[in-house]
N, C-alpha and C. Protein backbone atom coordinates (compact mmCIF):
# COMPACT_ATOMS: atom_id res chain seq x y z
N MET A 1 66.39 32.69 164.12
CA MET A 1 66.56 32.74 165.56
C MET A 1 65.20 32.95 166.21
N ALA A 2 64.85 32.07 167.09
CA ALA A 2 63.59 32.21 167.82
C ALA A 2 63.73 33.31 168.84
N HIS A 3 62.72 34.14 168.95
CA HIS A 3 62.80 35.26 169.89
C HIS A 3 61.95 35.03 171.12
N ALA A 4 61.23 33.95 171.17
CA ALA A 4 60.47 33.62 172.36
C ALA A 4 61.34 32.72 173.22
N THR A 5 61.86 33.28 174.29
CA THR A 5 62.69 32.52 175.22
C THR A 5 62.01 32.57 176.59
N ARG A 6 62.52 31.78 177.52
CA ARG A 6 61.99 31.88 178.88
C ARG A 6 62.16 33.29 179.42
N ALA A 7 63.24 33.95 179.03
CA ALA A 7 63.50 35.32 179.49
C ALA A 7 62.43 36.28 178.97
N THR A 8 62.14 36.22 177.68
CA THR A 8 61.15 37.14 177.13
C THR A 8 59.76 36.82 177.66
N LYS A 9 59.49 35.53 177.87
CA LYS A 9 58.18 35.15 178.43
C LYS A 9 58.04 35.67 179.87
N ALA A 10 59.12 35.61 180.65
CA ALA A 10 59.08 36.11 182.03
C ALA A 10 58.80 37.62 182.04
N LEU A 11 59.43 38.35 181.14
CA LEU A 11 59.20 39.79 181.05
C LEU A 11 57.76 40.08 180.63
N GLU A 12 57.27 39.35 179.64
CA GLU A 12 55.89 39.54 179.17
C GLU A 12 54.89 39.23 180.28
N GLN A 13 55.09 38.12 180.97
CA GLN A 13 54.17 37.73 182.05
C GLN A 13 54.15 38.76 183.18
N ALA A 14 55.27 39.43 183.41
CA ALA A 14 55.36 40.43 184.47
C ALA A 14 54.85 41.80 183.99
N GLY A 15 54.54 41.89 182.69
CA GLY A 15 54.05 43.16 182.15
C GLY A 15 55.14 44.22 182.04
N ILE A 16 56.38 43.79 181.91
CA ILE A 16 57.50 44.73 181.81
C ILE A 16 57.79 45.01 180.34
N PRO A 17 57.72 46.29 179.94
CA PRO A 17 58.01 46.63 178.55
C PRO A 17 59.49 46.39 178.22
N PHE A 18 59.74 45.86 177.04
CA PHE A 18 61.11 45.63 176.59
C PHE A 18 61.13 45.61 175.07
N GLU A 19 62.31 45.79 174.52
CA GLU A 19 62.53 45.68 173.08
C GLU A 19 63.58 44.59 172.86
N LEU A 20 63.43 43.84 171.80
CA LEU A 20 64.41 42.82 171.43
C LEU A 20 65.41 43.38 170.43
N ARG A 21 66.66 43.03 170.61
CA ARG A 21 67.70 43.40 169.66
C ARG A 21 68.56 42.17 169.39
N SER A 22 68.70 41.84 168.14
CA SER A 22 69.54 40.70 167.74
C SER A 22 70.85 41.21 167.16
N TYR A 23 71.87 40.39 167.27
CA TYR A 23 73.17 40.71 166.67
C TYR A 23 73.87 39.39 166.36
N ASP A 24 74.92 39.47 165.55
CA ASP A 24 75.69 38.27 165.21
C ASP A 24 76.62 37.94 166.37
N TYR A 25 76.32 36.85 167.05
CA TYR A 25 77.10 36.40 168.21
C TYR A 25 78.44 35.85 167.75
N ASP A 26 79.52 36.29 168.41
CA ASP A 26 80.86 35.81 168.11
C ASP A 26 81.38 35.03 169.31
N PRO A 27 81.36 33.69 169.24
CA PRO A 27 81.80 32.89 170.38
C PRO A 27 83.29 33.06 170.70
N ASP A 28 84.05 33.62 169.76
CA ASP A 28 85.49 33.78 169.96
C ASP A 28 85.87 35.17 170.47
N ALA A 29 84.89 36.01 170.72
CA ALA A 29 85.17 37.37 171.19
C ALA A 29 85.83 37.32 172.57
N ASP A 30 86.76 38.23 172.80
CA ASP A 30 87.41 38.32 174.11
C ASP A 30 86.39 38.65 175.19
N SER A 31 85.47 39.53 174.87
CA SER A 31 84.40 39.89 175.79
C SER A 31 83.09 39.87 175.04
N ILE A 32 82.21 38.97 175.40
CA ILE A 32 80.92 38.84 174.72
C ILE A 32 80.10 40.11 174.88
N GLY A 33 80.14 40.71 176.06
CA GLY A 33 79.40 41.94 176.31
C GLY A 33 79.90 43.10 175.46
N LEU A 34 81.22 43.25 175.37
CA LEU A 34 81.78 44.33 174.55
C LEU A 34 81.49 44.09 173.07
N ALA A 35 81.55 42.83 172.64
CA ALA A 35 81.23 42.50 171.25
C ALA A 35 79.76 42.82 170.96
N ALA A 36 78.89 42.53 171.92
CA ALA A 36 77.46 42.84 171.75
C ALA A 36 77.25 44.34 171.64
N ALA A 37 77.92 45.12 172.49
CA ALA A 37 77.79 46.58 172.45
C ALA A 37 78.23 47.12 171.10
N GLN A 38 79.36 46.60 170.60
CA GLN A 38 79.87 47.06 169.31
C GLN A 38 78.90 46.69 168.20
N ALA A 39 78.40 45.46 168.21
CA ALA A 39 77.47 45.00 167.18
C ALA A 39 76.16 45.80 167.21
N LEU A 40 75.73 46.20 168.41
CA LEU A 40 74.48 46.96 168.55
C LEU A 40 74.70 48.45 168.37
N GLY A 41 75.96 48.88 168.35
CA GLY A 41 76.28 50.30 168.17
C GLY A 41 75.89 51.15 169.37
N VAL A 42 76.08 50.60 170.58
CA VAL A 42 75.72 51.33 171.80
C VAL A 42 76.92 51.39 172.75
N ASP A 43 76.82 52.27 173.74
CA ASP A 43 77.85 52.42 174.76
C ASP A 43 78.00 51.11 175.52
N PRO A 44 79.23 50.60 175.68
CA PRO A 44 79.43 49.34 176.40
C PRO A 44 78.92 49.39 177.84
N GLY A 45 78.85 50.57 178.44
CA GLY A 45 78.34 50.70 179.79
C GLY A 45 76.85 50.49 179.89
N GLN A 46 76.18 50.47 178.73
CA GLN A 46 74.72 50.25 178.70
C GLN A 46 74.37 48.78 178.49
N VAL A 47 75.37 47.97 178.12
CA VAL A 47 75.17 46.54 177.91
C VAL A 47 75.65 45.81 179.16
N PHE A 48 74.75 45.09 179.80
CA PHE A 48 75.07 44.43 181.07
C PHE A 48 75.25 42.93 180.87
N LYS A 49 76.30 42.41 181.48
CA LYS A 49 76.58 40.97 181.41
C LYS A 49 75.94 40.29 182.61
N THR A 50 75.57 39.05 182.40
CA THR A 50 74.97 38.24 183.45
C THR A 50 75.96 37.14 183.81
N LEU A 51 76.39 37.13 185.05
CA LEU A 51 77.36 36.14 185.51
C LEU A 51 76.75 35.32 186.64
N MET A 52 77.10 34.07 186.67
CA MET A 52 76.65 33.19 187.74
C MET A 52 77.83 32.97 188.69
N ILE A 53 77.57 33.17 189.98
CA ILE A 53 78.61 33.03 190.98
C ILE A 53 78.15 32.10 192.10
N LEU A 54 79.09 31.76 192.94
CA LEU A 54 78.79 31.05 194.18
C LEU A 54 79.14 32.01 195.31
N ALA A 55 78.15 32.37 196.11
CA ALA A 55 78.36 33.25 197.27
C ALA A 55 78.24 32.36 198.51
N ASP A 56 79.33 32.22 199.21
CA ASP A 56 79.41 31.27 200.32
C ASP A 56 78.92 29.88 199.88
N GLY A 57 79.29 29.51 198.66
CA GLY A 57 78.96 28.19 198.13
C GLY A 57 77.57 28.05 197.56
N LYS A 58 76.76 29.12 197.61
CA LYS A 58 75.39 29.05 197.11
C LYS A 58 75.27 29.85 195.81
N PRO A 59 74.48 29.35 194.84
CA PRO A 59 74.34 30.03 193.56
C PRO A 59 73.72 31.41 193.69
N ALA A 60 74.22 32.33 192.88
CA ALA A 60 73.67 33.68 192.79
C ALA A 60 73.96 34.21 191.39
N CYS A 61 73.29 35.29 191.05
CA CYS A 61 73.43 35.90 189.73
C CYS A 61 73.88 37.35 189.91
N VAL A 62 74.83 37.77 189.09
CA VAL A 62 75.37 39.12 189.13
C VAL A 62 75.16 39.76 187.76
N ILE A 63 74.67 41.00 187.77
CA ILE A 63 74.44 41.74 186.52
C ILE A 63 75.27 43.01 186.60
N ALA A 64 76.21 43.18 185.66
CA ALA A 64 77.13 44.31 185.70
C ALA A 64 77.44 44.81 184.30
N PRO A 65 77.87 46.07 184.19
CA PRO A 65 78.19 46.62 182.87
C PRO A 65 79.30 45.82 182.19
N SER A 66 79.17 45.66 180.88
CA SER A 66 80.14 44.84 180.14
C SER A 66 81.50 45.49 180.04
N ASP A 67 81.59 46.79 180.30
CA ASP A 67 82.88 47.47 180.17
C ASP A 67 83.64 47.53 181.49
N GLY A 68 83.20 46.78 182.49
CA GLY A 68 83.89 46.77 183.77
C GLY A 68 84.07 45.36 184.28
N GLU A 69 84.76 45.27 185.38
CA GLU A 69 84.97 43.98 186.04
C GLU A 69 84.06 43.92 187.26
N VAL A 70 83.65 42.73 187.63
CA VAL A 70 82.84 42.55 188.83
C VAL A 70 83.78 42.31 190.01
N SER A 71 83.57 43.07 191.07
CA SER A 71 84.30 42.82 192.31
C SER A 71 83.54 41.72 193.05
N LEU A 72 84.13 40.53 193.09
CA LEU A 72 83.48 39.41 193.77
C LEU A 72 83.34 39.70 195.26
N LYS A 73 84.27 40.46 195.82
CA LYS A 73 84.20 40.82 197.23
C LYS A 73 82.97 41.71 197.48
N ARG A 74 82.75 42.70 196.59
CA ARG A 74 81.59 43.59 196.74
C ARG A 74 80.29 42.83 196.47
N ALA A 75 80.31 41.93 195.49
CA ALA A 75 79.11 41.15 195.19
C ALA A 75 78.74 40.27 196.38
N ALA A 76 79.75 39.64 196.98
CA ALA A 76 79.51 38.80 198.16
C ALA A 76 78.89 39.63 199.27
N ALA A 77 79.48 40.81 199.53
CA ALA A 77 78.98 41.67 200.60
C ALA A 77 77.53 42.09 200.33
N ALA A 78 77.22 42.42 199.07
CA ALA A 78 75.86 42.84 198.71
C ALA A 78 74.85 41.72 198.96
N LEU A 79 75.31 40.47 198.83
CA LEU A 79 74.45 39.31 199.04
C LEU A 79 74.50 38.80 200.48
N GLY A 80 75.24 39.49 201.34
CA GLY A 80 75.34 39.07 202.73
C GLY A 80 76.23 37.86 202.93
N ALA A 81 77.14 37.66 201.99
CA ALA A 81 78.05 36.52 202.05
C ALA A 81 79.46 36.98 202.40
N LYS A 82 80.28 36.05 202.84
CA LYS A 82 81.67 36.38 203.18
C LYS A 82 82.57 36.35 201.96
N ALA A 83 82.29 35.45 201.04
CA ALA A 83 83.16 35.29 199.86
C ALA A 83 82.34 34.85 198.66
N ALA A 84 82.87 35.13 197.49
CA ALA A 84 82.21 34.71 196.25
C ALA A 84 83.26 34.28 195.24
N GLU A 85 82.86 33.38 194.36
CA GLU A 85 83.73 32.93 193.27
C GLU A 85 82.87 32.68 192.05
N MET A 86 83.51 32.73 190.89
CA MET A 86 82.77 32.46 189.66
C MET A 86 82.34 30.99 189.65
N MET A 87 81.16 30.76 189.12
CA MET A 87 80.63 29.41 188.99
C MET A 87 81.25 28.77 187.74
N ARG A 88 81.48 27.48 187.79
CA ARG A 88 81.97 26.77 186.60
C ARG A 88 80.90 26.85 185.51
N PRO A 89 81.30 27.00 184.24
CA PRO A 89 80.34 27.15 183.15
C PRO A 89 79.27 26.05 183.11
N ALA A 90 79.66 24.79 183.28
CA ALA A 90 78.68 23.70 183.21
C ALA A 90 77.64 23.83 184.33
N GLU A 91 78.09 24.24 185.51
CA GLU A 91 77.17 24.41 186.63
C GLU A 91 76.25 25.61 186.39
N ALA A 92 76.82 26.68 185.83
CA ALA A 92 76.03 27.88 185.51
C ALA A 92 74.93 27.53 184.52
N GLU A 93 75.26 26.74 183.51
CA GLU A 93 74.27 26.34 182.50
C GLU A 93 73.18 25.47 183.13
N ARG A 94 73.56 24.59 184.02
CA ARG A 94 72.59 23.69 184.65
C ARG A 94 71.62 24.49 185.53
N ILE A 95 72.13 25.41 186.33
CA ILE A 95 71.29 26.16 187.26
C ILE A 95 70.44 27.19 186.53
N ALA A 96 71.05 27.92 185.59
CA ALA A 96 70.32 28.97 184.88
C ALA A 96 69.39 28.39 183.81
N GLY A 97 69.81 27.27 183.21
CA GLY A 97 69.01 26.70 182.14
C GLY A 97 69.27 27.35 180.79
N TYR A 98 70.37 28.08 180.71
CA TYR A 98 70.78 28.74 179.46
C TYR A 98 72.22 28.36 179.17
N LYS A 99 72.61 28.45 177.90
CA LYS A 99 73.99 28.22 177.51
C LYS A 99 74.83 29.45 177.84
N VAL A 100 76.10 29.25 178.22
CA VAL A 100 77.01 30.36 178.45
C VAL A 100 77.04 31.21 177.17
N GLY A 101 77.00 32.49 177.34
CA GLY A 101 76.90 33.42 176.21
C GLY A 101 75.45 33.80 175.94
N GLY A 102 74.54 33.06 176.55
CA GLY A 102 73.12 33.33 176.40
C GLY A 102 72.39 33.31 177.73
N ILE A 103 73.17 33.43 178.83
CA ILE A 103 72.55 33.38 180.16
C ILE A 103 71.84 34.71 180.44
N SER A 104 70.58 34.61 180.73
CA SER A 104 69.76 35.76 181.10
C SER A 104 69.40 35.63 182.58
N PRO A 105 69.24 36.77 183.26
CA PRO A 105 68.78 36.68 184.64
C PRO A 105 67.28 36.40 184.73
N PHE A 106 66.57 36.60 183.61
CA PHE A 106 65.12 36.40 183.57
C PHE A 106 64.79 34.97 183.17
N GLY A 107 63.84 34.35 183.85
CA GLY A 107 63.38 33.02 183.46
C GLY A 107 64.36 31.90 183.71
N GLN A 108 65.24 32.07 184.68
CA GLN A 108 66.18 30.99 184.98
C GLN A 108 65.43 29.79 185.53
N MET A 109 66.02 28.62 185.37
CA MET A 109 65.41 27.38 185.83
C MET A 109 65.24 27.35 187.35
N ARG A 110 66.16 27.97 188.03
CA ARG A 110 66.15 27.98 189.49
C ARG A 110 66.26 29.43 189.96
N LYS A 111 65.38 29.83 190.85
CA LYS A 111 65.43 31.20 191.38
C LYS A 111 66.61 31.32 192.34
N VAL A 112 67.49 32.27 192.06
CA VAL A 112 68.65 32.51 192.91
C VAL A 112 68.71 34.00 193.26
N PRO A 113 69.42 34.35 194.33
CA PRO A 113 69.57 35.77 194.64
C PRO A 113 70.29 36.50 193.51
N VAL A 114 69.93 37.75 193.31
CA VAL A 114 70.50 38.55 192.21
C VAL A 114 71.01 39.88 192.77
N VAL A 115 72.16 40.30 192.28
CA VAL A 115 72.67 41.63 192.58
C VAL A 115 72.97 42.31 191.25
N ILE A 116 72.53 43.57 191.13
CA ILE A 116 72.73 44.33 189.90
C ILE A 116 73.52 45.59 190.24
N ASP A 117 74.45 45.94 189.37
CA ASP A 117 75.26 47.12 189.62
C ASP A 117 74.40 48.37 189.58
N GLU A 118 74.70 49.29 190.49
CA GLU A 118 73.91 50.51 190.63
C GLU A 118 73.87 51.37 189.37
N THR A 119 74.85 51.22 188.48
CA THR A 119 74.85 52.03 187.26
C THR A 119 73.69 51.67 186.33
N ALA A 120 73.06 50.52 186.55
CA ALA A 120 71.90 50.14 185.74
C ALA A 120 70.78 51.16 185.87
N LEU A 121 70.72 51.83 187.02
CA LEU A 121 69.65 52.79 187.26
C LEU A 121 69.95 54.17 186.67
N LEU A 122 71.16 54.36 186.15
CA LEU A 122 71.53 55.65 185.55
C LEU A 122 71.05 55.79 184.11
N TRP A 123 70.76 54.68 183.48
CA TRP A 123 70.30 54.67 182.09
C TRP A 123 68.77 54.64 182.05
N ASP A 124 68.19 55.19 180.97
CA ASP A 124 66.74 55.04 180.77
C ASP A 124 66.40 53.57 180.59
N ALA A 125 67.30 52.85 179.88
CA ALA A 125 67.12 51.42 179.65
C ALA A 125 68.50 50.80 179.44
N ILE A 126 68.61 49.52 179.78
CA ILE A 126 69.87 48.80 179.61
C ILE A 126 69.63 47.55 178.78
N PHE A 127 70.69 47.05 178.20
CA PHE A 127 70.64 45.80 177.45
C PHE A 127 71.08 44.67 178.38
N ILE A 128 70.28 43.61 178.42
CA ILE A 128 70.59 42.41 179.19
C ILE A 128 70.30 41.21 178.28
N ASN A 129 71.08 40.17 178.43
CA ASN A 129 70.88 38.99 177.59
C ASN A 129 69.43 38.51 177.64
N GLY A 130 68.90 38.18 176.47
CA GLY A 130 67.51 37.76 176.35
C GLY A 130 67.31 36.26 176.39
N GLY A 131 68.33 35.51 176.82
CA GLY A 131 68.17 34.07 176.97
C GLY A 131 68.62 33.26 175.78
N GLN A 132 69.37 33.92 174.89
CA GLN A 132 69.85 33.23 173.70
C GLN A 132 71.09 33.98 173.22
N ARG A 133 72.07 33.26 172.74
CA ARG A 133 73.26 33.92 172.19
C ARG A 133 72.83 34.81 171.03
N GLY A 134 73.29 36.06 171.08
CA GLY A 134 72.96 37.00 170.01
C GLY A 134 71.62 37.70 170.20
N LEU A 135 71.02 37.60 171.37
CA LEU A 135 69.73 38.24 171.63
C LEU A 135 69.81 39.04 172.92
N GLN A 136 69.50 40.32 172.82
CA GLN A 136 69.49 41.21 173.98
C GLN A 136 68.09 41.79 174.15
N VAL A 137 67.72 42.06 175.40
CA VAL A 137 66.49 42.79 175.67
C VAL A 137 66.90 44.17 176.18
N LEU A 138 66.21 45.18 175.71
CA LEU A 138 66.39 46.55 176.18
C LEU A 138 65.27 46.81 177.17
N VAL A 139 65.63 47.02 178.43
CA VAL A 139 64.65 47.11 179.50
C VAL A 139 65.11 48.15 180.52
N ALA A 140 64.16 48.80 181.17
CA ALA A 140 64.52 49.75 182.23
C ALA A 140 65.22 49.01 183.36
N GLY A 141 66.35 49.54 183.80
CA GLY A 141 67.12 48.90 184.87
C GLY A 141 66.32 48.75 186.15
N GLU A 142 65.53 49.76 186.47
CA GLU A 142 64.72 49.71 187.69
C GLU A 142 63.67 48.60 187.59
N ALA A 143 63.07 48.45 186.41
CA ALA A 143 62.07 47.40 186.21
C ALA A 143 62.72 46.02 186.30
N ALA A 144 63.91 45.89 185.71
CA ALA A 144 64.63 44.61 185.77
C ALA A 144 64.96 44.26 187.21
N ALA A 145 65.50 45.23 187.95
CA ALA A 145 65.85 44.98 189.35
C ALA A 145 64.62 44.59 190.16
N GLY A 146 63.51 45.27 189.90
CA GLY A 146 62.28 44.97 190.63
C GLY A 146 61.76 43.57 190.35
N LEU A 147 61.74 43.19 189.08
CA LEU A 147 61.25 41.86 188.71
C LEU A 147 62.11 40.77 189.32
N LEU A 148 63.41 41.00 189.34
CA LEU A 148 64.35 40.00 189.84
C LEU A 148 64.48 40.01 191.36
N GLY A 149 63.91 41.02 192.01
CA GLY A 149 64.10 41.16 193.45
C GLY A 149 65.56 41.38 193.77
N ALA A 150 66.25 42.08 192.87
CA ALA A 150 67.70 42.25 192.96
C ALA A 150 68.12 43.26 194.01
N VAL A 151 69.25 42.99 194.61
CA VAL A 151 69.94 43.96 195.45
C VAL A 151 70.67 44.89 194.48
N VAL A 152 70.53 46.19 194.65
CA VAL A 152 71.24 47.16 193.82
C VAL A 152 72.44 47.62 194.63
N ALA A 153 73.65 47.46 194.06
CA ALA A 153 74.87 47.78 194.81
C ALA A 153 76.00 48.17 193.85
N ASP A 154 77.03 48.76 194.40
CA ASP A 154 78.23 49.13 193.65
C ASP A 154 79.12 47.89 193.60
N ILE A 155 79.02 47.13 192.51
CA ILE A 155 79.78 45.89 192.42
C ILE A 155 80.79 45.87 191.27
N ALA A 156 80.75 46.91 190.41
CA ALA A 156 81.63 46.92 189.24
C ALA A 156 82.82 47.84 189.47
N THR A 157 83.93 47.47 188.86
CA THR A 157 85.13 48.31 188.91
C THR A 157 85.56 48.60 187.49
N GLY A 158 86.31 49.66 187.33
CA GLY A 158 86.87 49.98 186.01
C GLY A 158 85.99 50.70 185.08
């Protein structure tokens, strides 16, 4: 597995410290984020999933803990939109430039607005997809939010 991805290169270029963690990706898992947390032996609340949405019809990226659900209504509000919906997988892959299951918020093909759940700042570091299935980066939530220019908001439930 190659560990140099656009995501890791973006972090390196920004001078953001991170650690790489690999695990055996299970494409049949009910929840890829929960499977990653189990494989890495960490709290599921520390592993954040990256979702691509349409906020008022425009692409955006949402980063939330894998053990919760994203409130699309709250995500839309955080982005200044009236409504949000999940992006179709093929469209998410085209805009992000990553395969579903390996979508990272770092190094996407197209810069889009990002919202990250406020719980990311409660951890010393969080796991976020590193741009490849089975690859996570461990990075400070505050540093990730800063690099991405993310809005920090309460967007997760459960």
